[in-house]
């Protein structure tokens, strides 16, 4: 009899699909990151693509985010676009969080005490988002991503092999 070996690293990530399967995964500094936790504290996976027309924000805004809730902290990854029209088959360079007309990647660690360590893409630490499916009728967006991000202390985080397949809110 053989024991089933636990999957680690890239093998533990969900497959890259394009059917709205509500999946998200990536490697953060080589360790697998997938959403985990209870929706009671808010969704662990969410996405939106909305047109805003307000005094403070105008244009199309896109975001996919995933949370991993642990006992004394939570981690969050988000990929987004400020005032950018999303199209299927397009690659977007992730940089300059949260600047208008830019796409970005962000990684947060939040302690139970409210301490926040934010890593974000900037001009020197970039990445890429590829939209493999964008179905406006069924509100499905799927894609892949990677990015390097830095915090205010100059510490770097590497996010690799990212993939998502979600329904988005209009």
Protein backbone atom coordinates (compact mmCIF):
# COMPACT_ATOMS: atom_id res chain seq x y z
CA UNK A 1 0.00 0.00 0.00
CA UNK A 2 1.29 3.46 -0.92
CA UNK A 3 0.72 6.65 1.01
CA UNK A 4 -0.49 9.59 -1.01
CA UNK A 5 2.24 12.21 -1.05
CA UNK A 6 1.15 15.75 -0.14
CA UNK A 7 1.52 18.18 -3.01
CA UNK A 8 3.78 21.14 -2.43
CA UNK A 9 5.00 24.11 -4.42
CA UNK A 10 3.63 24.49 -7.92
CA UNK A 11 1.96 21.04 -7.75
CA UNK A 12 -0.37 22.32 -5.00
CA UNK A 13 -1.69 25.22 -7.11
CA UNK A 14 -5.02 24.92 -8.94
CA UNK A 15 -4.77 24.29 -12.69
CA UNK A 16 -5.01 27.26 -15.04
CA UNK A 17 -8.63 27.02 -16.25
CA UNK A 18 -11.01 29.37 -18.08
CA UNK A 19 -14.46 28.30 -16.88
CA UNK A 20 -15.19 30.51 -13.87
CA UNK A 21 -14.15 27.79 -11.38
CA UNK A 22 -13.40 30.37 -8.62
CA UNK A 23 -9.73 29.41 -8.31
CA UNK A 24 -6.61 31.39 -7.48
CA UNK A 25 -3.06 30.37 -6.70
CA UNK A 26 0.58 31.42 -6.97
CA UNK A 27 3.98 30.95 -5.40
CA UNK A 28 5.16 33.60 -2.95
CA UNK A 29 8.92 33.34 -2.51
CA UNK A 30 8.59 29.71 -3.63
CA UNK A 31 5.77 28.78 -1.23
CA UNK A 32 2.28 27.95 -2.45
CA UNK A 33 -0.42 30.56 -1.79
CA UNK A 34 -4.10 29.71 -2.24
CA UNK A 35 -7.14 31.34 -0.62
CA UNK A 36 -8.03 29.94 2.80
CA UNK A 37 -10.37 31.01 5.56
CA UNK A 38 -13.99 31.72 6.28
CA UNK A 39 -16.27 34.01 4.31
CA UNK A 40 -17.67 35.22 7.67
CA UNK A 41 -14.80 37.70 7.88
CA UNK A 42 -15.27 38.69 4.24
CA UNK A 43 -14.69 36.79 1.01
CA UNK A 44 -11.41 34.94 0.63
CA UNK A 45 -11.59 35.35 -3.16
CA UNK A 46 -13.17 38.31 -4.93
CA UNK A 47 -13.08 40.14 -8.24
CA UNK A 48 -14.68 43.16 -9.86
CA UNK A 49 -14.57 45.03 -13.16
CA UNK A 50 -16.56 48.21 -12.89
CA UNK A 51 -16.95 51.56 -14.58
CA UNK A 52 -16.88 54.40 -12.07
CA UNK A 53 -17.90 57.97 -12.75
CA UNK A 54 -17.41 59.93 -9.56
CA UNK A 55 -15.49 63.07 -8.63
CA UNK A 56 -12.63 60.97 -7.23
CA UNK A 57 -12.50 58.08 -9.75
CA UNK A 58 -13.46 57.79 -13.38
CA UNK A 59 -12.94 54.91 -15.79
CA UNK A 60 -12.81 51.11 -15.65
CA UNK A 61 -11.38 49.54 -12.52
CA UNK A 62 -10.39 45.87 -12.24
CA UNK A 63 -9.27 43.77 -9.28
CA UNK A 64 -8.79 40.12 -8.37
CA UNK A 65 -7.82 39.45 -4.76
CA UNK A 66 -7.32 36.41 -2.57
CA UNK A 67 -6.89 36.14 1.21
CA UNK A 68 -5.25 33.44 3.25
CA UNK A 69 -6.26 33.68 6.90
CA UNK A 70 -3.96 32.07 9.47
CA UNK A 71 -4.22 32.01 13.27
CA UNK A 72 -2.43 35.30 14.05
CA UNK A 73 -2.23 37.02 10.66
CA UNK A 74 -3.61 37.06 7.15
CA UNK A 75 -1.98 37.39 3.76
CA UNK A 76 -3.56 38.94 0.71
CA UNK A 77 -2.61 39.17 -2.95
CA UNK A 78 -4.30 41.47 -5.40
CA UNK A 79 -3.85 42.28 -9.05
CA UNK A 80 -5.61 45.35 -10.35
CA UNK A 81 -5.96 48.07 -12.93
CA UNK A 82 -6.89 51.71 -12.43
CA UNK A 83 -8.75 53.31 -15.34
CA UNK A 84 -7.80 50.58 -17.85
CA UNK A 85 -10.07 48.66 -20.22
CA UNK A 86 -9.45 44.91 -19.84
CA UNK A 87 -9.35 42.80 -23.01
CA UNK A 88 -8.97 39.09 -23.64
CA UNK A 89 -5.59 38.06 -25.03
CA UNK A 90 -3.80 41.16 -23.71
CA UNK A 91 -0.68 41.38 -21.56
CA UNK A 92 -0.42 44.21 -19.05
CA UNK A 93 2.74 45.29 -17.26
CA UNK A 94 2.22 45.42 -13.49
CA UNK A 95 3.80 48.52 -11.95
CA UNK A 96 3.12 51.71 -10.00
CA UNK A 97 0.53 50.87 -7.32
CA UNK A 98 -1.99 52.70 -7.12
CA UNK A 99 -1.46 55.13 -10.00
CA UNK A 100 -4.15 56.09 -12.55
CA UNK A 101 -3.86 54.35 -15.92
CA UNK A 102 -1.63 51.62 -14.45
CA UNK A 103 -1.91 47.96 -13.54
CA UNK A 104 -0.34 46.68 -10.34
CA UNK A 105 0.39 43.73 -8.07
CA UNK A 106 0.26 43.85 -4.29
CA UNK A 107 1.01 41.48 -1.41
CA UNK A 108 -0.09 42.28 2.17
CA UNK A 109 0.60 40.69 5.52
CA UNK A 110 -1.75 41.92 8.26
CA UNK A 111 -1.28 40.85 11.88
CA UNK A 112 -4.15 40.41 14.32
CA UNK A 113 -2.82 43.57 16.02
CA UNK A 114 -3.48 45.53 12.83
CA UNK A 115 0.16 45.86 11.75
CA UNK A 116 0.38 45.99 7.93
CA UNK A 117 3.37 45.05 5.80
CA UNK A 118 2.58 46.01 2.20
CA UNK A 119 4.62 45.00 -0.83
CA UNK A 120 3.69 46.64 -4.13
CA UNK A 121 4.92 46.82 -7.68
CA UNK A 122 6.69 50.04 -8.66
CA UNK A 123 8.83 51.11 -11.61
CA UNK A 124 11.86 49.09 -10.43
CA UNK A 125 9.81 46.06 -9.27
CA UNK A 126 7.42 44.98 -11.99
CA UNK A 127 5.41 42.05 -13.25
CA UNK A 128 2.98 40.90 -15.89
CA UNK A 129 -0.72 40.07 -16.11
CA UNK A 130 -2.08 38.08 -19.04
CA UNK A 131 -5.87 37.92 -19.53
CA UNK A 132 -6.53 34.55 -21.17
CA UNK A 133 -10.34 34.86 -20.98
CA UNK A 134 -12.60 37.85 -20.54
CA UNK A 135 -16.27 36.93 -20.99
CA UNK A 136 -18.47 39.97 -20.31
CA UNK A 137 -21.71 38.02 -20.85
CA UNK A 138 -20.97 35.41 -18.17
CA UNK A 139 -18.71 37.75 -16.15
CA UNK A 140 -15.73 35.37 -16.18
CA UNK A 141 -12.12 36.52 -16.14
CA UNK A 142 -9.15 34.18 -16.21
CA UNK A 143 -5.47 34.84 -16.44
CA UNK A 144 -1.92 34.36 -15.29
CA UNK A 145 0.45 36.71 -13.51
CA UNK A 146 3.82 37.18 -11.88
CA UNK A 147 5.41 40.13 -10.13
CA UNK A 148 8.18 41.40 -7.89
CA UNK A 149 7.11 43.85 -5.20
CA UNK A 150 8.85 45.86 -2.51
CA UNK A 151 7.82 47.25 0.88
CA UNK A 152 8.78 50.60 2.42
CA UNK A 153 11.89 48.99 4.00
CA UNK A 154 13.17 47.86 0.59
CA UNK A 155 12.40 44.18 1.25
CA UNK A 156 11.38 42.27 -1.88
CA UNK A 157 8.81 39.54 -2.43
CA UNK A 158 8.63 37.36 -5.57
CA UNK A 159 5.21 36.18 -6.76
CA UNK A 160 5.39 33.56 -9.52
CA UNK A 161 3.21 31.09 -11.45
CA UNK A 162 0.04 33.03 -10.59
CA UNK A 163 -3.29 31.96 -12.06
CA UNK A 164 -6.94 32.80 -11.48
CA UNK A 165 -10.31 31.81 -12.94
CA UNK A 166 -13.16 33.77 -11.37
CA UNK A 167 -16.52 35.45 -11.87
CA UNK A 168 -16.34 39.18 -11.43
CA UNK A 169 -18.88 41.69 -10.12
CA UNK A 170 -19.94 44.52 -12.43
